[in-house]
Amino acid sequence: MMKTIFYFIVTSCISTFAFWGALGAKNPFPLYAVAFGIWGLFLWGYNNRMKKEAARKFRERAFEDYMRSRGRGRYPF
């Protein structure tokens, strides 16, 4: 969560400076590409982090279900 907040703040700063730079530039389109590109990278990374988190939770639940299904005390060793 803290990593996402850090990335959000960095993304906001970079895109803000790119948009400000585009205001006075003769050709603002490269700066627009930087500003929107950094948001695209942020959303792509956020999506990957959420997929990994969902997969980790799925594996944890599967392991807990497996351990519950084994039962206790059936094997003396």
C-alpha atoms as a PDB file:
ATOM      1  CA  MET A   1       0.000   0.000   0.000  1.00  0.00           C
ATOM      2  CA  MET A   2       2.769   2.432   0.885  1.00  0.00           C
ATOM      3  CA  LYS A   3       4.568   1.562  -2.340  1.00  0.00           C
ATOM      4  CA  THR A   4       1.444   2.436  -4.332  1.00  0.00           C
ATOM      5  CA  ILE A   5       1.064   5.756  -2.539  1.00  0.00           C
ATOM      6  CA  PHE A   6       4.719   6.581  -3.206  1.00  0.00           C
ATOM      7  CA  TYR A   7       4.342   5.712  -6.900  1.00  0.00           C
ATOM      8  CA  PHE A   8       1.160   7.815  -7.078  1.00  0.00           C
ATOM      9  CA  ILE A   9       2.921  10.865  -5.627  1.00  0.00           C
ATOM     10  CA  VAL A  10       5.903  10.480  -7.968  1.00  0.00           C
ATOM     11  CA  THR A  11       3.586  10.005 -10.953  1.00  0.00           C
ATOM     12  CA  SER A  12       1.590  13.094 -10.013  1.00  0.00           C
ATOM     13  CA  CYS A  13       4.725  15.225  -9.700  1.00  0.00           C
ATOM     14  CA  ILE A  14       6.227  14.083 -13.005  1.00  0.00           C
ATOM     15  CA  SER A  15       2.991  14.571 -14.923  1.00  0.00           C
ATOM     16  CA  THR A  16       2.384  17.984 -13.331  1.00  0.00           C
ATOM     17  CA  PHE A  17       5.831  19.225 -14.352  1.00  0.00           C
ATOM     18  CA  ALA A  18       5.367  17.789 -17.852  1.00  0.00           C
ATOM     19  CA  PHE A  19       2.045  19.590 -18.262  1.00  0.00           C
ATOM     20  CA  TRP A  20       3.538  22.831 -16.950  1.00  0.00           C
ATOM     21  CA  GLY A  21       6.395  22.463 -19.397  1.00  0.00           C
ATOM     22  CA  ALA A  22       3.913  21.879 -22.217  1.00  0.00           C
ATOM     23  CA  LEU A  23       2.290  25.245 -21.521  1.00  0.00           C
ATOM     24  CA  GLY A  24       5.341  27.166 -22.719  1.00  0.00           C
ATOM     25  CA  ALA A  25       6.791  24.755 -25.247  1.00  0.00           C
ATOM     26  CA  LYS A  26       6.710  25.307 -29.000  1.00  0.00           C
ATOM     27  CA  ASN A  27       5.937  21.633 -29.511  1.00  0.00           C
ATOM     28  CA  PRO A  28       4.020  20.385 -26.443  1.00  0.00           C
ATOM     29  CA  PHE A  29       3.233  16.911 -27.766  1.00  0.00           C
ATOM     30  CA  PRO A  30       6.395  15.171 -26.437  1.00  0.00           C
ATOM     31  CA  LEU A  31       5.605  16.526 -22.980  1.00  0.00           C
ATOM     32  CA  TYR A  32       1.999  15.364 -23.296  1.00  0.00           C
ATOM     33  CA  ALA A  33       3.373  11.931 -24.207  1.00  0.00           C
ATOM     34  CA  VAL A  34       5.536  11.958 -21.071  1.00  0.00           C
ATOM     35  CA  ALA A  35       2.637  13.053 -18.866  1.00  0.00           C
ATOM     36  CA  PHE A  36       0.168  10.488 -20.176  1.00  0.00           C
ATOM     37  CA  GLY A  37       2.844   7.823 -20.514  1.00  0.00           C
ATOM     38  CA  ILE A  38       3.791   8.050 -16.845  1.00  0.00           C
ATOM     39  CA  TRP A  39       0.127   7.575 -15.923  1.00  0.00           C
ATOM     40  CA  GLY A  40      -0.025   4.575 -18.226  1.00  0.00           C
ATOM     41  CA  LEU A  41       3.012   3.072 -16.492  1.00  0.00           C
ATOM     42  CA  PHE A  42       1.465   3.743 -13.093  1.00  0.00           C
ATOM     43  CA  LEU A  43      -1.803   2.020 -14.028  1.00  0.00           C
ATOM     44  CA  TRP A  44       0.035  -0.906 -15.615  1.00  0.00           C
ATOM     45  CA  GLY A  45       2.175  -1.397 -12.498  1.00  0.00           C
ATOM     46  CA  TYR A  46      -0.836  -1.059 -10.208  1.00  0.00           C
ATOM     47  CA  ASN A  47      -2.682  -3.703 -12.208  1.00  0.00           C
ATOM     48  CA  ASN A  48       0.299  -6.076 -11.969  1.00  0.00           C
ATOM     49  CA  ARG A  49       0.587  -5.555  -8.209  1.00  0.00           C
ATOM     50  CA  MET A  50      -3.124  -6.269  -7.730  1.00  0.00           C
ATOM     51  CA  LYS A  51      -2.889  -9.462  -9.820  1.00  0.00           C
ATOM     52  CA  LYS A  52       0.052 -10.700  -7.750  1.00  0.00           C
ATOM     53  CA  GLU A  53      -1.800  -9.902  -4.523  1.00  0.00           C
ATOM     54  CA  ALA A  54      -4.894 -11.797  -5.715  1.00  0.00           C
ATOM     55  CA  ALA A  55      -2.786 -14.810  -6.696  1.00  0.00           C
ATOM     56  CA  ARG A  56      -1.043 -14.783  -3.308  1.00  0.00           C
ATOM     57  CA  LYS A  57      -4.382 -14.679  -1.465  1.00  0.00           C
ATOM     58  CA  PHE A  58      -5.711 -17.509  -3.614  1.00  0.00           C
ATOM     59  CA  ARG A  59      -2.682 -19.680  -2.783  1.00  0.00           C
ATOM     60  CA  GLU A  60      -3.063 -18.875   0.930  1.00  0.00           C
ATOM     61  CA  ARG A  61      -6.742 -19.861   0.903  1.00  0.00           C
ATOM     62  CA  ALA A  62      -5.972 -23.057  -1.003  1.00  0.00           C
ATOM     63  CA  PHE A  63      -3.291 -23.974   1.532  1.00  0.00           C
ATOM     64  CA  GLU A  64      -5.643 -23.256   4.448  1.00  0.00           C
ATOM     65  CA  ASP A  65      -8.346 -25.429   2.857  1.00  0.00           C
ATOM     66  CA  TYR A  66      -5.808 -28.214   2.336  1.00  0.00           C
ATOM     67  CA  MET A  67      -4.652 -28.047   5.938  1.00  0.00           C
ATOM     68  CA  ARG A  68      -8.265 -28.085   7.161  1.00  0.00           C
ATOM     69  CA  SER A  69      -9.112 -31.105   5.028  1.00  0.00           C
ATOM     70  CA  ARG A  70      -6.185 -33.150   6.345  1.00  0.00           C
ATOM     71  CA  GLY A  71      -7.745 -33.503   9.750  1.00  0.00           C
ATOM     72  CA  ARG A  72      -5.906 -33.802  13.030  1.00  0.00           C
ATOM     73  CA  GLY A  73      -4.548 -36.861  14.727  1.00  0.00           C
ATOM     74  CA  ARG A  74      -5.077 -39.296  11.874  1.00  0.00           C
ATOM     75  CA  TYR A  75      -1.394 -39.990  11.467  1.00  0.00           C
ATOM     76  CA  PRO A  76       0.508 -40.952  14.624  1.00  0.00           C
ATOM     77  CA  PHE A  77       3.898 -40.078  13.146  1.00  0.00           C
END
